[in-house]
Amino acid sequence: MKHYVQTLVLVLTLVSVPGAGFGKKPFGDVVDPDTLLKVQSYCVDMDKIEGVVAPDVRRFLEKQNTPKGLLSKLPWKLVENCAQADAVVSLEFKNSFQVTQANGDGMATGAAITQSVPEATYTAQMLVSDRTSRKPLYKVMGESITVNRERSIGSPFSKLIHDLKVVSK
């Protein structure tokens, strides 16, 4: 939890600091900047999210769509009904396992046992499309987050917030 909070604070700080070294270039692929900048409302397409992932996405949206949450930094309003949104956000998750070494003492005195410990790693990919034309407006791959799928959702949203600032200048 501590690592996630530190990473999120770092990303948000870099996104909000004027003149940060990489602040001039988008993280994602801004396919249609003009239409992207006209978006005022969005929804997250829950129909395309796998059943086991859906509760994590719902929790993220509930927690982060608050006045101090990450989604409040977006200049768009989150709506539940996609028929009322200007843009549709689709999320796709890439799951993998990262193997780390765990060291422990063996049964014999002075002996050490080294074993591999697989940890689930999640990466969220985001696609923002125009609701009426279904035309892609923006694509980005989030950072890989170990152990917690819900936390991986924040990365592409942080990148989107940054990229909207970049293309609006």
Protein backbone atom coordinates (compact mmCIF):
# COMPACT_ATOMS: atom_id res chain seq x y z
CA MET A 1 0.00 0.00 0.00
CA LYS A 2 2.79 2.39 0.95
CA HIS A 3 4.59 1.79 -2.37
CA TYR A 4 1.39 2.44 -4.34
CA VAL A 5 0.70 5.70 -2.51
CA GLN A 6 4.28 6.87 -3.06
CA THR A 7 4.08 6.01 -6.77
CA LEU A 8 0.71 7.73 -7.15
CA VAL A 9 1.98 10.85 -5.36
CA LEU A 10 5.05 10.92 -7.61
CA VAL A 11 2.99 10.56 -10.79
CA LEU A 12 0.51 13.22 -9.69
CA THR A 13 3.32 15.55 -8.66
CA LEU A 14 5.08 15.16 -11.99
CA VAL A 15 1.79 15.64 -13.83
CA SER A 16 1.03 18.85 -11.95
CA VAL A 17 4.52 20.40 -11.82
CA PRO A 18 4.91 23.02 -14.54
CA GLY A 19 8.08 22.59 -16.53
CA ALA A 20 8.67 18.96 -15.54
CA GLY A 21 11.18 17.58 -18.02
CA PHE A 22 8.79 15.24 -19.82
CA GLY A 23 5.69 17.41 -19.46
CA LYS A 24 5.64 18.48 -23.11
CA LYS A 25 5.13 15.04 -24.65
CA PRO A 26 2.03 12.85 -24.19
CA PHE A 27 2.39 9.43 -22.56
CA GLY A 28 -0.33 7.97 -24.75
CA ASP A 29 -1.36 8.08 -28.37
CA VAL A 30 -3.58 11.13 -28.88
CA VAL A 31 -5.40 10.06 -32.05
CA ASP A 32 -7.82 13.00 -32.33
CA PRO A 33 -6.78 15.90 -30.06
CA ASP A 34 -9.51 18.29 -31.24
CA THR A 35 -12.37 15.91 -30.43
CA LEU A 36 -10.66 14.76 -27.22
CA LEU A 37 -10.56 18.35 -25.97
CA LYS A 38 -14.29 18.77 -26.67
CA VAL A 39 -15.26 15.87 -24.40
CA GLN A 40 -17.28 16.98 -21.37
CA SER A 41 -18.58 13.66 -20.07
CA TYR A 42 -17.47 10.05 -20.16
CA CYS A 43 -18.48 6.61 -19.00
CA VAL A 44 -16.52 3.43 -18.39
CA ASP A 45 -17.80 0.59 -20.56
CA MET A 46 -18.42 -2.12 -17.98
CA ASP A 47 -19.89 -4.51 -20.59
CA LYS A 48 -16.43 -5.26 -21.99
CA ILE A 49 -14.79 -5.89 -18.60
CA GLU A 50 -14.36 -9.49 -17.48
CA GLY A 51 -16.49 -10.61 -14.56
CA VAL A 52 -13.59 -11.04 -12.10
CA VAL A 53 -12.20 -7.59 -12.95
CA ALA A 54 -15.49 -5.66 -12.78
CA PRO A 55 -15.63 -5.34 -8.94
CA ASP A 56 -12.11 -3.84 -8.91
CA VAL A 57 -13.07 -1.29 -11.57
CA ARG A 58 -16.27 -0.37 -9.72
CA ARG A 59 -14.36 0.09 -6.43
CA PHE A 60 -11.78 2.26 -8.17
CA LEU A 61 -14.44 4.47 -9.75
CA GLU A 62 -16.31 4.80 -6.46
CA LYS A 63 -13.18 5.70 -4.46
CA GLN A 64 -11.58 7.99 -7.04
CA ASN A 65 -14.68 9.87 -8.21
CA THR A 66 -14.70 12.04 -5.10
CA PRO A 67 -13.64 15.69 -4.69
CA LYS A 68 -10.10 14.66 -3.66
CA GLY A 69 -9.94 11.54 -5.84
CA LEU A 70 -7.90 11.05 -8.98
CA LEU A 71 -10.89 11.32 -11.30
CA SER A 72 -11.70 14.80 -9.98
CA LYS A 73 -8.55 15.95 -11.81
CA LEU A 74 -10.14 15.09 -15.15
CA PRO A 75 -11.97 18.01 -16.80
CA TRP A 76 -14.74 15.54 -17.69
CA LYS A 77 -17.77 14.37 -15.73
CA LEU A 78 -18.15 10.63 -15.11
CA VAL A 79 -21.65 9.38 -15.95
CA GLU A 80 -23.01 5.86 -15.42
CA ASN A 81 -25.12 5.65 -18.58
CA CYS A 82 -22.93 5.54 -21.67
CA ALA A 83 -25.85 6.79 -23.80
CA GLN A 84 -25.43 10.15 -22.01
CA ALA A 85 -21.65 10.40 -22.40
CA ASP A 86 -19.53 12.16 -25.02
CA ALA A 87 -16.77 9.54 -24.74
CA VAL A 88 -16.52 5.91 -23.74
CA VAL A 89 -13.53 4.61 -21.78
CA SER A 90 -12.69 0.95 -22.36
CA LEU A 91 -10.24 -0.80 -20.06
CA GLU A 92 -8.38 -4.00 -20.83
CA PHE A 93 -6.09 -5.77 -18.40
CA LYS A 94 -2.89 -7.64 -19.12
CA ASN A 95 -2.03 -10.08 -16.34
CA SER A 96 1.35 -11.69 -15.83
CA PHE A 97 3.45 -13.09 -13.05
CA GLN A 98 6.69 -11.56 -11.90
CA VAL A 99 8.99 -13.97 -10.11
CA THR A 100 10.95 -12.58 -7.17
CA GLN A 101 13.50 -14.33 -5.04
CA ALA A 102 12.65 -14.95 -1.40
CA ASN A 103 15.48 -15.86 0.96
CA GLY A 104 14.90 -17.79 4.13
CA ASP A 105 16.77 -19.88 6.63
CA GLY A 106 16.87 -23.59 6.03
CA MET A 107 16.49 -26.30 8.61
CA ALA A 108 20.23 -26.81 8.95
CA THR A 109 22.31 -24.27 10.81
CA GLY A 110 23.85 -21.72 8.47
CA ALA A 111 22.04 -23.05 5.40
CA ALA A 112 19.92 -20.68 3.34
CA ILE A 113 17.07 -21.65 1.10
CA THR A 114 16.28 -19.50 -1.89
CA GLN A 115 12.93 -19.94 -3.55
CA SER A 116 11.00 -18.19 -6.27
CA VAL A 117 7.78 -16.43 -5.33
CA PRO A 118 5.41 -15.57 -8.20
CA GLU A 119 3.53 -12.29 -7.79
CA ALA A 120 0.64 -11.29 -10.02
CA THR A 121 1.32 -8.16 -12.08
CA TYR A 122 -1.49 -6.16 -13.68
CA THR A 123 -1.33 -3.60 -16.45
CA ALA A 124 -4.39 -1.60 -17.49
CA GLN A 125 -4.72 -0.42 -21.08
CA MET A 126 -7.16 2.41 -21.82
CA LEU A 127 -8.98 3.34 -25.01
CA VAL A 128 -11.11 6.49 -25.16
CA SER A 129 -13.57 6.55 -28.06
CA ASP A 130 -16.15 9.02 -29.30
CA ARG A 131 -19.52 7.60 -28.22
CA THR A 132 -21.44 8.37 -31.39
CA SER A 133 -18.85 7.57 -34.08
CA ARG A 134 -16.91 4.93 -32.04
CA LYS A 135 -13.77 6.59 -33.41
CA PRO A 136 -10.70 6.15 -31.16
CA LEU A 137 -9.57 9.43 -29.61
CA TYR A 138 -6.84 8.31 -27.21
CA LYS A 139 -4.93 5.12 -26.26
CA VAL A 140 -2.50 4.51 -23.42
CA MET A 141 -0.90 1.61 -21.57
CA GLY A 142 -0.67 2.03 -17.80
CA GLU A 143 2.27 1.09 -15.63
CA SER A 144 2.49 -2.48 -14.35
CA ILE A 145 1.42 -2.81 -10.73
CA THR A 146 2.22 -5.89 -8.67
CA VAL A 147 -0.38 -7.74 -6.58
CA ASN A 148 -3.41 -5.38 -6.81
CA ARG A 149 -5.46 -5.03 -10.01
CA GLU A 150 -7.52 -2.16 -8.61
CA ARG A 151 -4.39 -0.03 -8.18
CA SER A 152 -3.32 -0.61 -11.79
CA ILE A 153 -6.39 1.31 -13.01
CA GLY A 154 -5.07 4.65 -11.72
CA SER A 155 -2.04 4.68 -13.99
CA PRO A 156 -3.79 5.16 -17.36
CA PHE A 157 -6.13 7.73 -15.80
CA SER A 158 -3.11 9.68 -14.48
CA LYS A 159 -1.55 9.57 -17.94
CA LEU A 160 -4.81 10.75 -19.51
CA ILE A 161 -4.96 13.72 -17.12
CA HIS A 162 -1.36 14.63 -18.03
CA ASP A 163 -1.94 14.22 -21.76
CA LEU A 164 -5.08 16.39 -21.73
CA LYS A 165 -2.98 19.18 -20.22
CA VAL A 166 -0.29 18.68 -22.87
CA VAL A 167 -2.65 18.78 -25.85
CA SER A 168 -4.62 21.75 -24.48
CA LYS A 169 -1.53 23.99 -24.64
